Structures are given as C-alpha cells and as structure tokens.
Amino acid sequence: MPKNKAVNRYALSLASLALGAGLTLGYAPFSQWYLVPLLLLGFFALLSGPGRAFPFLTGLSFGLGWFGAGVSWVHVSIADFGGLPLLGSLSLMLLLCLYLALYPALASWLLVRFIKLPYWPMAIPLIWYVTEWLRGWMLTGFPWLSLGYSQLHGPLGGWLPIVGETGVSLLLVLMASGVMLLLRQRHWLSAALLVVVPMISGVVLDGHSWTKATGKHADVVMVQGNIKQELRWVPEQDGPTMRKYLEMTAPYWDADLIIWPEAAIPRLEPLVPEYLGELDEIAAENGTGLITGIVNYNFETRQAFNQLIGVGSLHGEKQGHYRYMHTNRYAKHHLLPIGEFIPLEDWLRGLAPIFDLPMSSFSRGNFEQNNLIANDYRLAPAICFEIAFPEQMRANLHPYTDFILTVSNDAWFGRSHGPHQHLEIAQVRAKEFGIPVLRATNNGITAVIDANGQIIAKVPQFEDAVLRAEVPTYRGDTPFGAYGDLWIVLLSLAGFGLALWLPRTDWI
C-alpha cells in the first residue's frame, strides 16, 4: 500500500471517529440537539469524498466514536462489578463498541456500493432503517443511542408522535445527506429549505395534542430505595432491604398507586409468601395497589423470570388478591446480554466473573402480555432497557391503558451519563404515544413524565427518596401509536426504489 494512501486512511478514520464521538453531546445529560444534524452532515461529506474509497472503514470509525463515547458508561459496570482486570474490561468494552459499529459500517458500505451519489437522500432512509432494525434485533437487540432520541428538545421533536423516534432518525439522515449534496452544488436556498421546512413544521406539530386528558388524576408514589449494587444480592441484606422498602412506604399508604423498582424485593418470590401476603393485606386495607419488581424462580422447570407483580387492591376493593403465580404479573421479554442471559453460555460461563454474575440466566416472557392492574389503573410495563423498544411498547398499549410503567436499576452505571440517557428514552416514549410514563428506579433517576415527554417531577440520584405526584390520565392515540413504522417504511421503500430506478432513465 502506498504510504500516502495509508496516511489518508488513518486521517479518514480519525476524522470519522471524531464526528461519531461528537454525537454523544446531542443526548442527555448534554442535550445539544443541534450538533447531531451538523455532525451527520460532516459524516456524509466525508463518506461522499475520501470515504467513498473506504466506506466500510469510514462507517466503522464513525460507529466506534458514536458508541465508544456514547455508551462508555457500560465500562462502569464491567470494571466495578465484572471482576475483570482493567485491560480485560477495556478489551470487552472495545469489542462491544466494534460490534455496534458494524451497523453504521454496513449502512455506509451499502449506500456507496449500490447507490449513485445524486440519489443518496432517497436511499439512505431505508438502508438506515434496515441496519438499525438489525441492531435492535440481533442477540435480543441493543437499540441504544438511536439518532432520534437526540431531538426530543429540538424542533424535530414535534415529529415524534407522527413518525416515532425511528422516523426522526431517518429524517435526520435524509436531511444531512440532502444538504450535503445541495451544498456541493451551491444550491444554498434549497439546502436552507431542506433544513427549515422540517424544523418549522415540527414546531407547528408540537403545538397539537394528539391525546386528551380525561380529567382524572392518580396520586402516585414511587419509592427509591438506593440500595448499593454490591449489596443487592447478598443474602444477609435481603431482610434489611425488604424492611427498608416497607418503612419508606409506611407514610404513603393513602396513595392511589405505589410503585417499587426493579427487583426491589431481593429474595425469590416462592421464598417470601409471608412478606408478600403482608404487603398484599396492608395495601388492600388502605385501598391502594402496589407494584414491585421481584425475581420468580420455578424450582420444577428451573426457569427464572425478571418480573413485576401487583398486590393490594385490584379494582378499588379493600381486599387483597395476591397468590403465587397469579396473573397480575409481567415477565421481562427483552433480556440484556451478559447481564440477564449469556450468549453461547456453554462456552462462556465460568471464563470470567462477568459471565457468572448473579441473576444472569433468565427466561424470556412473551412479547405481548396483559397490562398490570393496580387499584383500577392499568399500566403497560417495561423493565429496564425494554423502554428502548417502541414496537414492544406499542404492542402492549391498549385504549384502556392509563400509564406506561418502566422500572430499572441503574446502580450498575454509577455517576455516568447512562441513567440520564435512560430517562431521555422514557421521555421519548411518552411523547411518541401521548401517555404519561412512570419511571421507578433503585437509585435514580426516578421521575414522572407527562404525555408530552416533559418531566413533571423527579428525585435526585443516589438518595433514599420517595416521589409523590398527581399524574393525569389520557385517552386517544397518536399517529405513531396507531400505525407504528408503517408509513416511514412505505416511504423509505418508495425512495429506495426510485434511487435504483432513476439512473436507468434520462432523469439525471
């Protein structure tokens, strides 16, 4: 390889890496939404210039920067709880980021290899959609840091109830590639219009309420126990943890709805019938419903499930309804690789402590499950990163659903930007579907989000805290809630078809 060509390849990789890393500033807690379209513009300019000779490398470098900086918080859990030396944890983090970077690399290669440059804006939405869908499906999927999340607080946020986060992502890559081409041809006005029109229309759309408040409010209490991660599965701490949650809840039994976070009860469900019976009785006597996270283990089938269960009042009656394996429960469907299931378990289990973490061999619940019921309120649940899967949420939302409920334990990620990104994802789900989201966590960020994706109330991280708020209920549907990705897929297919067909005509 000629020396100058090698130098150009290194310079190209570094430039693409820097552009991808800059995307992190577009997401929470930084929320500089305007940087994302600018950085994408730079990426497509690079890909259409020197990057055309090395499209896969250019996309891979961009993705490595994007995920290397954006999900750097994963290293906190690997380093602090994975039991690996620093070199091992860094290597594992690098492998994860390289894997995630394969998807923008594939998108870049497909775009350059099969689409003529003038038609990139027509083709990139479908290509991006397919590669991002693959990222959200392989190994149960990890669709974190999808581009559209960065636009929650920007003008394009008004499109979220129409086309969803995925549609906003496609709009971003279409705009960036289109502006790049128009600027190359010095079509300044057309480039400006391609930016201004979607943004102004997004602002206009943001003023419309797709769902309507019913006038009914729920008095909601969420308990943030702030249990240190290193103590959560220590058997001697089970009793103190369960007592702590009861004591923190005691002043709030008059609420309509009480929520404890993921695995708030650290002992297996079949082993705590007395505790759950007491919880069921107290909640029912006070006319409230309580939802808590707990792990269920079937000793006959040896299957474990990460679950949410409801106890106390079911429909307002002062009588409990809990019994083991009652139907008012939800089992997590999207399991986190390594944390909740081990890919290639027979090979990896035992190689290192991170592949043998407590509670790392769960079974999956169904994709569609019944809403949880508590004191006559119906909640569509999502445990931990399941909130990042809009199609799963859409499949479990019904005309009678009052709230989306998401519970989590972000103690794995310390004081990183991971929990802030997680909260932002929940905010986008609320705006997409026009329904409030209740987010209960072990150590933050516990929050109530309104139907427009704005935070009504929250409590600080890393504190023992109880959040109480009056939360309105809504009815109706957003266009995205009604149709999902249907329209963006059809439009993307049409654009891709045109991009393939037009070069065979005289329309050039």
Protein backbone atom coordinates (compact mmCIF):
# COMPACT_ATOMS: atom_id res chain seq x y z
CA MET A 1 0.00 0.00 0.00
CA PRO A 2 1.43 3.42 -0.91
CA LYS A 3 2.45 5.40 2.17
CA ASN A 4 0.29 8.44 1.39
CA LYS A 5 -2.74 6.20 0.89
CA ALA A 6 -2.18 4.65 4.33
CA VAL A 7 -1.84 8.09 5.89
CA ASN A 8 -5.07 9.20 4.21
CA ARG A 9 -6.83 6.13 5.55
CA TYR A 10 -5.67 6.89 9.10
CA ALA A 11 -6.68 10.54 8.79
CA LEU A 12 -10.06 9.50 7.39
CA SER A 13 -10.62 7.09 10.30
CA LEU A 14 -9.71 9.70 12.89
CA ALA A 15 -11.97 12.33 11.34
CA SER A 16 -14.87 9.88 11.17
CA LEU A 17 -14.18 8.72 14.73
CA ALA A 18 -14.29 12.32 15.99
CA LEU A 19 -17.58 13.01 14.19
CA GLY A 20 -19.16 9.93 15.72
CA ALA A 21 -17.87 10.72 19.22
CA GLY A 22 -19.37 14.20 18.99
CA LEU A 23 -22.87 12.70 18.74
CA THR A 24 -22.72 11.97 22.49
CA LEU A 25 -23.20 15.69 23.16
CA GLY A 26 -26.59 15.51 21.44
CA TYR A 27 -28.01 13.15 24.07
CA ALA A 28 -28.78 13.65 27.75
CA PRO A 29 -27.36 14.97 30.00
CA PHE A 30 -25.79 17.36 27.45
CA SER A 31 -28.81 17.67 25.10
CA GLN A 32 -27.13 19.80 22.42
CA TRP A 33 -29.59 18.56 19.81
CA TYR A 34 -28.37 20.89 17.02
CA LEU A 35 -24.96 19.20 16.93
CA VAL A 36 -26.37 15.92 15.64
CA PRO A 37 -27.51 17.12 12.18
CA LEU A 38 -24.26 19.08 11.81
CA LEU A 39 -22.12 16.05 12.67
CA LEU A 40 -24.16 13.86 10.34
CA LEU A 41 -23.64 16.43 7.59
CA GLY A 42 -19.89 16.17 8.20
CA PHE A 43 -20.05 12.39 8.11
CA PHE A 44 -21.89 12.27 4.77
CA ALA A 45 -19.48 14.86 3.36
CA LEU A 46 -16.61 12.60 4.42
CA LEU A 47 -18.33 9.50 3.05
CA SER A 48 -19.03 11.17 -0.30
CA GLY A 49 -15.43 12.41 -0.57
CA PRO A 50 -12.37 10.44 0.54
CA GLY A 51 -14.59 7.95 2.38
CA ARG A 52 -16.01 6.59 -0.89
CA ALA A 53 -12.81 4.59 -1.31
CA PHE A 54 -13.22 3.03 2.15
CA PRO A 55 -16.94 3.15 3.01
CA PHE A 56 -16.94 0.27 5.48
CA LEU A 57 -13.94 1.67 7.36
CA THR A 58 -15.45 5.16 7.39
CA GLY A 59 -18.73 3.89 8.79
CA LEU A 60 -16.96 1.62 11.27
CA SER A 61 -14.84 4.51 12.59
CA PHE A 62 -17.93 6.71 12.85
CA GLY A 63 -19.77 4.00 14.76
CA LEU A 64 -16.81 3.34 17.03
CA GLY A 65 -16.76 7.01 18.03
CA TRP A 66 -20.56 7.12 18.32
CA PHE A 67 -20.82 4.15 20.67
CA GLY A 68 -17.38 4.36 22.23
CA ALA A 69 -18.21 7.75 23.72
CA GLY A 70 -21.98 7.32 23.91
CA VAL A 71 -22.14 4.05 25.84
CA SER A 72 -18.86 4.44 27.70
CA TRP A 73 -20.94 4.06 30.87
CA VAL A 74 -21.11 0.31 30.19
CA HIS A 75 -17.47 0.18 31.26
CA VAL A 76 -18.50 1.23 34.78
CA SER A 77 -20.49 -1.97 35.24
CA ILE A 78 -17.78 -4.12 33.65
CA ALA A 79 -14.95 -2.58 35.70
CA ASP A 80 -16.78 -2.30 39.03
CA PHE A 81 -18.87 -5.48 39.01
CA GLY A 82 -17.47 -7.67 36.23
CA GLY A 83 -14.47 -8.91 38.16
CA LEU A 84 -12.09 -8.32 35.25
CA PRO A 85 -8.72 -6.53 35.33
CA LEU A 86 -8.59 -3.11 33.65
CA LEU A 87 -7.13 -4.48 30.42
CA GLY A 88 -9.82 -7.15 30.24
CA SER A 89 -12.67 -4.73 30.90
CA LEU A 90 -11.36 -2.26 28.32
CA SER A 91 -10.99 -5.04 25.78
CA LEU A 92 -14.55 -6.23 26.39
CA MET A 93 -15.83 -2.66 26.06
CA LEU A 94 -13.94 -2.28 22.78
CA LEU A 95 -15.45 -5.50 21.44
CA LEU A 96 -18.95 -4.26 22.30
CA CYS A 97 -18.38 -0.93 20.54
CA LEU A 98 -16.85 -2.63 17.49
CA TYR A 99 -19.88 -4.90 17.30
CA LEU A 100 -22.31 -1.95 17.47
CA ALA A 101 -20.19 -0.05 14.92
CA LEU A 102 -20.73 -2.82 12.37
CA TYR A 103 -24.24 -1.50 11.69
CA PRO A 104 -23.34 2.05 10.55
CA ALA A 105 -20.41 0.45 8.71
CA LEU A 106 -22.82 -1.83 6.83
CA ALA A 107 -25.11 1.12 6.07
CA SER A 108 -22.19 3.14 4.70
CA TRP A 109 -20.96 0.28 2.53
CA LEU A 110 -24.42 -0.43 1.10
CA LEU A 111 -25.00 3.24 0.31
CA VAL A 112 -21.70 3.72 -1.54
CA ARG A 113 -21.69 0.32 -3.21
CA PHE A 114 -25.21 0.30 -4.66
CA ILE A 115 -26.49 3.89 -4.83
CA LYS A 116 -25.27 6.66 -7.11
CA LEU A 117 -24.31 9.79 -5.22
CA PRO A 118 -27.14 12.08 -6.52
CA TYR A 119 -29.71 9.66 -5.10
CA TRP A 120 -28.28 9.11 -1.63
CA PRO A 121 -31.07 11.07 0.16
CA MET A 122 -33.67 8.81 -1.48
CA ALA A 123 -31.95 5.58 -0.47
CA ILE A 124 -30.40 6.28 2.92
CA PRO A 125 -33.67 6.16 4.94
CA LEU A 126 -34.36 2.52 4.02
CA ILE A 127 -30.73 1.47 4.39
CA TRP A 128 -30.51 3.16 7.79
CA TYR A 129 -33.84 1.67 8.84
CA VAL A 130 -32.76 -1.88 7.99
CA THR A 131 -29.36 -1.68 9.68
CA GLU A 132 -30.81 -0.04 12.79
CA TRP A 133 -33.55 -2.67 12.88
CA LEU A 134 -30.86 -5.33 12.82
CA ARG A 135 -29.06 -3.59 15.70
CA GLY A 136 -32.31 -3.69 17.65
CA TRP A 137 -32.90 -7.38 16.89
CA MET A 138 -29.61 -9.31 16.97
CA LEU A 139 -28.90 -11.00 20.33
CA THR A 140 -32.29 -9.60 21.54
CA GLY A 141 -31.16 -6.16 20.38
CA PHE A 142 -29.43 -3.07 21.74
CA PRO A 143 -31.02 -0.03 20.02
CA TRP A 144 -29.47 2.45 22.45
CA LEU A 145 -28.45 5.92 21.18
CA SER A 146 -30.61 5.84 18.08
CA LEU A 147 -30.29 9.26 16.48
CA GLY A 148 -33.88 10.42 17.01
CA TYR A 149 -33.55 10.49 20.81
CA SER A 150 -31.27 13.50 20.49
CA GLN A 151 -34.10 15.60 19.05
CA LEU A 152 -36.51 15.39 21.99
CA HIS A 153 -35.90 19.04 22.92
CA GLY A 154 -35.31 20.30 19.38
CA PRO A 155 -37.72 21.43 16.64
CA LEU A 156 -37.85 17.95 15.13
CA GLY A 157 -39.26 16.66 18.42
CA GLY A 158 -42.71 17.63 17.17
CA TRP A 159 -42.48 14.78 14.65
CA LEU A 160 -42.14 12.11 17.36
CA PRO A 161 -45.90 11.47 17.78
CA ILE A 162 -46.21 11.24 13.98
CA VAL A 163 -43.32 9.04 12.87
CA GLY A 164 -41.76 7.96 16.16
CA GLU A 165 -38.13 8.09 17.16
CA THR A 166 -37.18 5.84 14.24
CA GLY A 167 -38.85 8.20 11.77
CA VAL A 168 -37.00 11.18 13.24
CA SER A 169 -33.73 9.26 12.85
CA LEU A 170 -34.50 8.68 9.17
CA LEU A 171 -35.44 12.32 8.74
CA LEU A 172 -32.06 13.32 10.18
CA VAL A 173 -30.02 11.18 7.78
CA LEU A 174 -32.18 12.26 4.84
CA MET A 175 -31.69 15.95 5.71
CA ALA A 176 -27.96 15.58 6.34
CA SER A 177 -27.25 13.71 3.09
CA GLY A 178 -29.53 16.02 1.09
CA VAL A 179 -27.98 19.22 2.46
CA MET A 180 -24.53 17.79 1.77
CA LEU A 181 -25.36 17.27 -1.90
CA LEU A 182 -27.05 20.66 -2.28
CA LEU A 183 -24.11 22.46 -0.70
CA ARG A 184 -21.71 20.68 -3.08
CA GLN A 185 -23.75 22.09 -5.95
CA ARG A 186 -24.04 25.52 -4.25
CA HIS A 187 -27.81 25.36 -4.11
CA TRP A 188 -27.88 27.46 -0.94
CA LEU A 189 -31.60 28.21 -0.89
CA SER A 190 -32.64 24.59 -1.46
CA ALA A 191 -30.26 23.47 1.29
CA ALA A 192 -31.74 26.03 3.68
CA LEU A 193 -35.29 24.96 2.83
CA LEU A 194 -34.44 21.30 3.44
CA VAL A 195 -33.44 22.26 6.99
CA VAL A 196 -36.02 24.93 7.78
CA VAL A 197 -39.19 23.26 6.47
CA PRO A 198 -38.97 20.07 8.63
CA MET A 199 -37.98 22.10 11.67
CA ILE A 200 -40.74 24.71 11.35
CA SER A 201 -43.33 22.01 10.68
CA GLY A 202 -42.01 20.15 13.74
CA VAL A 203 -42.58 23.25 15.88
CA VAL A 204 -46.13 23.60 14.50
CA LEU A 205 -46.88 19.91 15.09
CA ASP A 206 -45.57 20.18 18.64
CA GLY A 207 -48.41 22.55 19.46
CA HIS A 208 -51.02 19.88 18.77
CA SER A 209 -52.19 17.47 21.47
CA TRP A 210 -52.89 14.08 19.92
CA THR A 211 -54.32 12.58 23.11
CA LYS A 212 -56.75 14.22 25.51
CA ALA A 213 -56.67 14.44 29.29
CA THR A 214 -59.59 12.67 30.95
CA GLY A 215 -59.69 15.00 33.95
CA LYS A 216 -58.86 12.04 36.21
CA HIS A 217 -55.63 12.11 38.23
CA ALA A 218 -53.80 9.35 40.05
CA ASP A 219 -51.98 10.00 43.31
CA VAL A 220 -48.76 8.09 42.53
CA VAL A 221 -45.94 7.25 44.94
CA MET A 222 -42.60 5.79 43.79
CA VAL A 223 -40.01 4.58 46.29
CA GLN A 224 -36.30 4.90 45.50
CA GLY A 225 -34.57 2.59 47.97
CA ASN A 226 -30.98 3.47 46.93
CA ILE A 227 -29.59 0.01 47.65
CA LYS A 228 -25.92 -0.27 46.71
CA GLN A 229 -25.35 -2.65 43.83
CA GLU A 230 -22.74 -4.69 45.70
CA LEU A 231 -25.33 -5.38 48.44
CA ARG A 232 -28.35 -6.21 46.29
CA TRP A 233 -27.79 -9.97 46.08
CA VAL A 234 -26.02 -10.53 49.39
CA PRO A 235 -28.32 -12.96 51.29
CA GLU A 236 -27.73 -11.24 54.63
CA GLN A 237 -29.07 -7.99 53.17
CA ASP A 238 -32.41 -9.41 51.99
CA GLY A 239 -34.21 -8.73 55.28
CA PRO A 240 -32.87 -5.18 55.79
CA THR A 241 -33.73 -4.28 52.19
CA MET A 242 -37.31 -5.54 52.45
CA ARG A 243 -37.80 -3.75 55.78
CA LYS A 244 -36.40 -0.54 54.30
CA TYR A 245 -38.95 -0.52 51.49
CA LEU A 246 -41.79 -1.13 53.94
CA GLU A 247 -40.60 1.64 56.25
CA MET A 248 -40.15 4.15 53.41
CA THR A 249 -43.65 3.32 52.13
CA ALA A 250 -45.40 3.48 55.51
CA PRO A 251 -46.35 7.20 55.39
CA TYR A 252 -47.84 6.86 51.90
CA TRP A 253 -50.39 4.05 52.12
CA ASP A 254 -53.11 6.60 51.35
CA ALA A 255 -51.87 7.00 47.75
CA ASP A 256 -53.81 5.58 44.78
CA LEU A 257 -50.82 3.73 43.39
CA ILE A 258 -47.45 2.75 44.91
CA ILE A 259 -44.51 1.54 42.82
CA TRP A 260 -41.28 -0.12 43.87
CA PRO A 261 -38.43 -0.51 41.33
CA GLU A 262 -36.89 -3.48 39.53
CA ALA A 263 -36.13 -6.40 41.88
CA ALA A 264 -36.91 -4.19 44.89
CA ILE A 265 -37.66 -7.44 46.76
CA PRO A 266 -34.28 -9.21 46.53
CA ARG A 267 -35.48 -12.67 47.58
CA LEU A 268 -37.04 -15.16 45.13
CA GLU A 269 -40.83 -14.92 45.01
CA PRO A 270 -41.55 -18.53 46.14
CA LEU A 271 -39.42 -17.92 49.25
CA VAL A 272 -41.30 -14.86 50.56
CA PRO A 273 -45.01 -15.81 50.73
CA GLU A 274 -45.41 -14.29 54.23
CA TYR A 275 -43.84 -10.98 53.23
CA LEU A 276 -45.91 -10.71 50.05
CA GLY A 277 -49.05 -11.71 51.92
CA GLU A 278 -48.43 -8.96 54.48
CA LEU A 279 -47.76 -6.45 51.71
CA ASP A 280 -50.95 -7.51 49.92
CA GLU A 281 -53.02 -7.17 53.11
CA ILE A 282 -51.67 -3.74 54.12
CA ALA A 283 -52.12 -2.29 50.63
CA ALA A 284 -55.66 -3.64 50.32
CA GLU A 285 -56.72 -2.42 53.77
CA ASN A 286 -55.60 1.07 52.78
CA GLY A 287 -57.39 0.90 49.42
CA THR A 288 -54.27 1.10 47.30
CA GLY A 289 -52.44 -1.03 44.75
CA LEU A 290 -48.71 -1.71 44.85
CA ILE A 291 -46.46 -2.90 42.03
CA THR A 292 -43.00 -4.23 42.76
CA GLY A 293 -40.13 -5.89 40.98
CA ILE A 294 -39.20 -9.40 42.11
CA VAL A 295 -37.45 -12.43 40.63
CA ASN A 296 -39.59 -15.54 40.22
CA TYR A 297 -37.95 -18.96 40.11
CA ASN A 298 -39.73 -22.18 39.19
CA PHE A 299 -37.96 -24.95 41.10
CA GLU A 300 -39.51 -27.62 38.88
CA THR A 301 -38.54 -26.20 35.48
CA ARG A 302 -35.51 -24.27 36.82
CA GLN A 303 -36.63 -21.18 34.97
CA ALA A 304 -36.08 -17.69 36.39
CA PHE A 305 -38.04 -14.62 35.35
CA ASN A 306 -37.38 -10.95 36.00
CA GLN A 307 -40.89 -9.87 36.93
CA LEU A 308 -43.23 -7.18 38.11
CA ILE A 309 -46.19 -8.23 40.26
CA GLY A 310 -49.21 -6.40 41.61
CA VAL A 311 -50.51 -6.73 45.18
CA GLY A 312 -53.22 -5.00 47.17
CA SER A 313 -56.42 -3.56 45.74
CA LEU A 314 -57.20 -4.70 42.21
CA HIS A 315 -60.30 -2.65 41.38
CA GLY A 316 -60.71 -0.42 44.42
CA GLU A 317 -61.95 -3.11 46.80
CA LYS A 318 -60.30 -3.40 50.22
CA GLN A 319 -59.34 -6.98 49.74
CA GLY A 320 -56.01 -8.38 48.57
CA HIS A 321 -55.70 -10.58 45.50
CA TYR A 322 -52.14 -11.88 45.63
CA ARG A 323 -51.35 -15.57 45.41
CA TYR A 324 -48.27 -17.22 43.97
CA MET A 325 -48.38 -17.28 40.16
CA HIS A 326 -51.50 -15.10 39.97
CA THR A 327 -51.98 -13.49 36.55
CA ASN A 328 -51.40 -9.88 37.62
CA ARG A 329 -47.73 -10.04 36.71
CA TYR A 330 -45.32 -9.22 33.91
CA ALA A 331 -42.16 -11.12 32.89
CA LYS A 332 -39.38 -9.27 31.10
CA HIS A 333 -39.15 -10.10 27.40
CA HIS A 334 -36.03 -8.28 26.16
CA LEU A 335 -33.16 -9.66 28.22
CA LEU A 336 -29.84 -7.86 28.48
CA PRO A 337 -26.92 -9.90 27.04
CA ILE A 338 -24.34 -10.84 29.71
CA GLY A 339 -26.41 -9.19 32.46
CA GLU A 340 -29.52 -11.40 32.11
CA PHE A 341 -28.55 -14.12 29.70
CA ILE A 342 -25.22 -15.40 28.44
CA PRO A 343 -24.85 -15.85 24.67
CA LEU A 344 -23.04 -19.12 23.94
CA GLU A 345 -23.49 -19.92 27.64
CA ASP A 346 -21.89 -23.36 27.49
CA TRP A 347 -18.65 -21.78 26.26
CA LEU A 348 -18.56 -18.51 28.19
CA ARG A 349 -19.99 -19.43 31.59
CA GLY A 350 -17.10 -19.69 34.06
CA LEU A 351 -14.48 -17.97 31.89
CA ALA A 352 -14.63 -14.77 33.94
CA PRO A 353 -16.71 -13.38 36.82
CA ILE A 354 -18.67 -11.13 34.45
CA PHE A 355 -20.07 -14.25 32.73
CA ASP A 356 -21.21 -15.62 36.09
CA LEU A 357 -22.99 -12.64 37.64
CA PRO A 358 -25.95 -13.24 39.99
CA MET A 359 -29.26 -13.45 38.14
CA SER A 360 -27.65 -13.76 34.68
CA SER A 361 -29.65 -16.68 33.31
CA PHE A 362 -33.26 -15.56 32.92
CA SER A 363 -36.01 -16.93 30.71
CA ARG A 364 -37.96 -14.57 28.44
CA GLY A 365 -41.55 -13.54 28.93
CA ASN A 366 -43.90 -13.16 25.97
CA PHE A 367 -43.67 -10.20 23.60
CA GLU A 368 -47.29 -9.29 24.33
CA GLN A 369 -48.62 -9.54 27.88
CA ASN A 370 -51.56 -8.19 29.84
CA ASN A 371 -51.35 -4.75 31.42
CA LEU A 372 -50.73 -4.74 35.15
CA ILE A 373 -53.74 -3.67 37.23
CA ALA A 374 -53.44 -1.73 40.47
CA ASN A 375 -56.38 -0.04 42.19
CA ASP A 376 -58.26 0.07 38.86
CA TYR A 377 -55.35 1.67 37.00
CA ARG A 378 -53.87 -0.21 34.05
CA LEU A 379 -50.18 0.04 33.30
CA ALA A 380 -48.15 -1.14 30.30
CA PRO A 381 -44.86 -2.30 31.84
CA ALA A 382 -41.25 -2.27 30.64
CA ILE A 383 -38.36 -3.49 32.76
CA CYS A 384 -35.03 -1.67 32.40
CA PHE A 385 -33.89 -1.20 28.79
CA GLU A 386 -37.16 -2.60 27.36
CA ILE A 387 -38.32 1.02 27.26
CA ALA A 388 -35.94 1.42 24.29
CA PHE A 389 -38.13 -0.89 22.15
CA PRO A 390 -41.05 1.20 20.82
CA GLU A 391 -42.70 -1.65 18.93
CA GLN A 392 -42.86 -3.75 22.09
CA MET A 393 -44.43 -0.83 23.95
CA ARG A 394 -46.88 -0.25 21.10
CA ALA A 395 -47.92 -3.92 21.14
CA ASN A 396 -48.76 -3.69 24.84
CA LEU A 397 -50.64 -0.38 24.81
CA HIS A 398 -54.44 -0.51 24.69
CA PRO A 399 -57.24 2.07 24.63
CA TYR A 400 -57.74 1.45 28.36
CA THR A 401 -54.05 1.80 29.35
CA ASP A 402 -53.55 4.64 31.84
CA PHE A 403 -49.76 4.78 32.09
CA ILE A 404 -46.54 3.31 30.79
CA LEU A 405 -44.55 1.94 33.72
CA THR A 406 -40.81 1.46 33.47
CA VAL A 407 -38.70 0.22 36.37
CA SER A 408 -34.96 -0.07 36.44
CA ASN A 409 -31.82 -0.49 38.48
CA ASP A 410 -29.18 1.87 37.09
CA ALA A 411 -26.89 1.38 40.07
CA TRP A 412 -24.71 -0.66 37.68
CA PHE A 413 -23.62 2.55 35.96
CA GLY A 414 -22.65 4.85 38.81
CA ARG A 415 -22.43 8.58 38.12
CA SER A 416 -22.14 8.17 34.36
CA HIS A 417 -24.41 9.62 31.69
CA GLY A 418 -26.14 6.23 31.23
CA PRO A 419 -29.07 6.88 33.62
CA HIS A 420 -29.68 10.28 32.01
CA GLN A 421 -29.87 8.68 28.56
CA HIS A 422 -32.22 6.06 30.00
CA LEU A 423 -34.55 8.77 31.32
CA GLU A 424 -34.45 10.54 27.95
CA ILE A 425 -35.54 7.35 26.20
CA ALA A 426 -38.52 7.12 28.56
CA GLN A 427 -39.39 10.74 27.77
CA VAL A 428 -39.42 9.97 24.05
CA ARG A 429 -41.77 7.00 24.60
CA ALA A 430 -44.19 9.31 26.43
CA LYS A 431 -44.16 11.81 23.56
CA GLU A 432 -44.48 9.12 20.88
CA PHE A 433 -47.61 7.63 22.42
CA GLY A 434 -49.09 10.68 24.15
CA ILE A 435 -49.31 8.90 27.52
CA PRO A 436 -47.55 9.61 30.85
CA VAL A 437 -44.60 7.44 31.86
CA LEU A 438 -43.89 6.46 35.47
CA ARG A 439 -40.20 5.65 35.98
CA ALA A 440 -39.22 3.97 39.25
CA THR A 441 -35.55 3.18 39.88
CA ASN A 442 -33.38 1.85 42.67
CA ASN A 443 -31.02 4.84 42.88
CA GLY A 444 -32.21 7.29 40.22
CA ILE A 445 -33.38 8.84 38.13
CA THR A 446 -36.92 8.26 39.43
CA ALA A 447 -39.33 10.55 37.58
CA VAL A 448 -42.87 11.21 36.37
CA ILE A 449 -43.11 12.18 32.69
CA ASP A 450 -46.17 13.82 31.17
CA ALA A 451 -47.85 12.96 27.86
CA ASN A 452 -45.65 15.47 26.00
CA GLY A 453 -42.40 13.95 27.23
CA GLN A 454 -41.73 16.62 29.85
CA ILE A 455 -40.69 15.77 33.41
CA ILE A 456 -43.41 16.61 35.96
CA ALA A 457 -41.37 15.61 39.00
CA LYS A 458 -38.20 13.72 39.86
CA VAL A 459 -35.98 12.97 42.84
CA PRO A 460 -32.16 13.20 42.97
CA GLN A 461 -29.91 10.27 42.24
CA PHE A 462 -28.13 8.33 44.96
CA GLU A 463 -30.58 9.30 47.71
CA ASP A 464 -33.17 7.39 49.73
CA ALA A 465 -36.23 9.20 48.40
CA VAL A 466 -39.96 8.94 47.81
CA LEU A 467 -41.55 10.72 44.86
CA ARG A 468 -45.24 11.63 45.12
CA ALA A 469 -47.12 13.28 42.27
CA GLU A 470 -50.60 13.82 40.86
CA VAL A 471 -50.50 12.29 37.39
CA PRO A 472 -53.29 12.92 34.84
CA THR A 473 -54.62 10.12 32.67
CA TYR A 474 -55.12 10.46 28.90
CA ARG A 475 -57.12 8.77 26.21
CA GLY A 476 -56.69 8.68 22.46
CA ASP A 477 -53.89 7.75 20.12
CA THR A 478 -51.04 9.40 18.28
CA PRO A 479 -50.44 8.65 14.58
CA PHE A 480 -47.36 6.68 15.58
CA GLY A 481 -49.35 4.78 18.18
CA ALA A 482 -51.94 3.88 15.53
CA TYR A 483 -49.63 2.95 12.64
CA GLY A 484 -46.15 2.48 14.04
CA ASP A 485 -43.43 2.39 11.38
CA LEU A 486 -45.85 1.62 8.54
CA TRP A 487 -45.68 4.99 6.75
CA ILE A 488 -41.96 5.53 7.14
CA VAL A 489 -41.27 2.03 5.81
CA LEU A 490 -43.53 2.59 2.78
CA LEU A 491 -41.97 6.00 2.04
CA SER A 492 -38.46 4.61 2.52
CA LEU A 493 -39.19 1.72 0.16
CA ALA A 494 -40.52 4.16 -2.45
CA GLY A 495 -37.44 6.35 -2.12
CA PHE A 496 -35.10 3.39 -2.38
CA GLY A 497 -36.93 2.10 -5.44
CA LEU A 498 -36.59 5.49 -7.12
CA ALA A 499 -32.89 5.62 -6.28
CA LEU A 500 -32.38 2.29 -8.05
CA TRP A 501 -34.64 3.09 -11.00
CA LEU A 502 -33.81 6.72 -11.82
CA PRO A 503 -30.26 6.12 -13.14
CA ARG A 504 -31.78 3.93 -15.88
CA THR A 505 -33.79 6.87 -17.18
CA ASP A 506 -32.92 10.23 -18.66
CA TRP A 507 -33.71 12.00 -15.37
CA ILE A 508 -30.15 12.95 -14.44
